[in-house]
Structures are given as C-alpha cells and as structure tokens.
Amino acid sequence: MRVGNLRVEATGRVLEMCDIGAKSDYFEDGAVLEDPRSLQLHRRITRPLKGTLRRPMQAWHVAHTDRARSYDIYYSDRAAAFFHEGGELMQQGVANIRFSPQKDALPPV
C-alpha cells in the first residue's frame, strides 16, 4: 500500500506549494481494493497542521493585477515570512500564477 508523500521545495527564492493527500482505493492484481488506513493516517497528520496554518491565500496571474482569494489553500507563518523577505510562492508546473498570504500585497506589474 502506498500511503503518499509530502514534498516541500525551496529553490532559491521560490517556495512551491505542497499538498497532503490520501487515497483509500488502489489497484492490485486486476482488482480495485479499499484500505481506509491511509485516510485515518491523513486525518492524524492534517488535524494538528490545520491549527498552525492560515488562509485565505491571494492568487494572481503575472500579466494582470486582478487578484482572487482562495480559501482552499493554507499557508504557514514561515511561508508568509519567506514571501515578505522577497521570496515567491508558486505552484509546481504553473509558471504564470503567483500567490501571496498578504491580502494587501500588490502583484508586480
């Protein structure tokens, strides 16, 4: 059974988003099987984390100044400090979207 993984990368001045996910079904020997242990483990990991994370996150396209709030994306105090120190918050594979934990942070034009 594969439980999953957690990956956080800070390369230079970019901190990429990480996602903690779990899946209870898997494919083995031609059959789809269920194992709820991964969901239980996910709850054990994420419940304590949610108390330390903040939201909403601001998101914008690099070519526009319009911003949108995302209540589905959380950030840590350290990620906010990283942003305030000049770092960029991004999602892997999405080069034209930037994120900000600060509601009044203006995107670069």
Protein backbone atom coordinates (compact mmCIF):
# COMPACT_ATOMS: atom_id res chain seq x y z
CA MET A 1 0.00 0.00 0.00
CA ARG A 2 1.30 3.44 -0.87
CA VAL A 3 0.35 5.96 1.80
CA GLY A 4 1.63 9.01 -0.07
CA ASN A 5 4.31 11.59 0.34
CA LEU A 6 4.93 15.17 1.40
CA ARG A 7 7.23 17.34 -0.64
CA VAL A 8 8.28 20.92 0.00
CA GLU A 9 10.86 22.63 -2.17
CA ALA A 10 12.52 25.98 -1.73
CA THR A 11 14.82 26.53 -4.67
CA GLY A 12 16.45 29.93 -4.39
CA ARG A 13 13.70 32.47 -3.93
CA VAL A 14 10.74 30.22 -4.84
CA LEU A 15 8.69 28.16 -2.41
CA GLU A 16 6.38 25.70 -4.12
CA MET A 17 3.02 24.59 -2.83
CA CYS A 18 2.75 21.16 -1.28
CA ASP A 19 -0.33 19.02 -0.97
CA ILE A 20 -1.02 16.38 1.65
CA GLY A 21 -3.45 13.88 0.21
CA ALA A 22 -4.65 10.37 0.84
CA LYS A 23 -6.46 7.78 -1.18
CA SER A 24 -8.17 4.70 0.18
CA ASP A 25 -8.60 2.74 -3.04
CA TYR A 26 -5.83 1.14 -5.06
CA PHE A 27 -5.40 -1.28 -7.95
CA GLU A 28 -3.76 -4.64 -7.35
CA ASP A 29 -3.81 -7.88 -9.37
CA GLY A 30 -6.56 -6.58 -11.66
CA ALA A 31 -8.90 -5.53 -8.85
CA VAL A 32 -9.74 -2.26 -7.14
CA LEU A 33 -9.28 -2.64 -3.39
CA GLU A 34 -10.08 -0.40 -0.43
CA ASP A 35 -7.95 0.29 2.63
CA PRO A 36 -9.13 3.09 4.95
CA ARG A 37 -5.83 3.21 6.87
CA SER A 38 -4.47 5.94 4.59
CA LEU A 39 -7.49 8.16 5.34
CA GLN A 40 -7.02 7.64 9.07
CA LEU A 41 -3.33 8.49 8.78
CA HIS A 42 -4.20 11.58 6.72
CA ARG A 43 -6.52 12.83 9.48
CA ARG A 44 -3.86 12.20 12.14
CA ILE A 45 -1.35 14.30 10.17
CA THR A 46 -3.58 17.13 8.93
CA ARG A 47 -5.63 17.90 12.06
CA PRO A 48 -2.66 19.25 14.06
CA LEU A 49 -1.35 21.11 11.00
CA LYS A 50 -4.60 22.98 10.36
CA GLY A 51 -4.28 24.71 13.72
CA THR A 52 -0.95 26.23 12.64
CA LEU A 53 -1.90 27.22 9.08
CA ARG A 54 -3.60 30.42 7.88
CA ARG A 55 -5.88 31.37 4.99
CA PRO A 56 -7.03 32.83 2.59
CA MET A 57 -4.28 32.97 0.03
CA GLN A 58 -4.25 35.63 -2.69
CA ALA A 59 -3.56 34.47 -6.26
CA TRP A 60 -2.90 36.44 -9.43
CA HIS A 61 -1.70 36.00 -12.99
CA VAL A 62 1.67 37.66 -13.63
CA ALA A 63 0.26 39.64 -16.59
CA HIS A 64 -2.75 41.03 -14.65
CA THR A 65 -3.33 42.90 -11.42
CA ASP A 66 -6.66 41.22 -10.64
CA ARG A 67 -6.43 39.07 -7.53
CA ALA A 68 -8.59 36.23 -6.28
CA ARG A 69 -8.85 34.79 -2.79
CA SER A 70 -8.52 31.07 -2.31
CA TYR A 71 -9.85 29.63 0.93
CA ASP A 72 -8.73 26.13 -0.11
CA ILE A 73 -5.03 27.00 0.10
CA TYR A 74 -3.43 27.41 3.52
CA TYR A 75 -0.03 28.92 4.37
CA SER A 76 2.30 28.84 7.36
CA ASP A 77 3.80 31.76 9.22
CA ARG A 78 7.17 30.76 7.78
CA ALA A 79 5.78 30.86 4.22
CA ALA A 80 4.44 34.37 4.94
CA ALA A 81 7.85 35.42 6.26
CA PHE A 82 9.51 33.90 3.18
CA PHE A 83 7.18 36.00 0.99
CA HIS A 84 7.82 39.19 2.99
CA GLU A 85 11.58 38.61 2.65
CA GLY A 86 11.22 38.75 -1.14
CA GLY A 87 10.51 35.11 -1.96
CA GLU A 88 7.88 33.95 -4.42
CA LEU A 89 5.10 31.48 -3.63
CA MET A 90 4.20 29.30 -6.62
CA GLN A 91 2.57 26.05 -7.68
CA GLN A 92 4.75 23.50 -9.42
CA GLY A 93 4.18 23.47 -13.18
CA VAL A 94 2.23 26.77 -13.17
CA ALA A 95 4.74 29.47 -14.07
CA ASN A 96 2.33 32.38 -14.57
CA ILE A 97 0.43 32.34 -11.25
CA ARG A 98 1.79 33.85 -8.03
CA PHE A 99 0.43 33.59 -4.50
CA SER A 100 0.52 35.91 -1.53
CA PRO A 101 -0.55 35.39 2.06
CA GLN A 102 -0.92 39.13 2.49
CA LYS A 103 -4.31 40.49 1.44
CA ASP A 104 -2.95 43.92 0.57
CA ALA A 105 0.15 42.70 -1.26
CA LEU A 106 0.10 44.10 -4.76
CA PRO A 107 1.29 41.85 -7.54
CA PRO A 108 4.19 43.15 -9.64
CA VAL A 109 3.04 44.82 -12.86
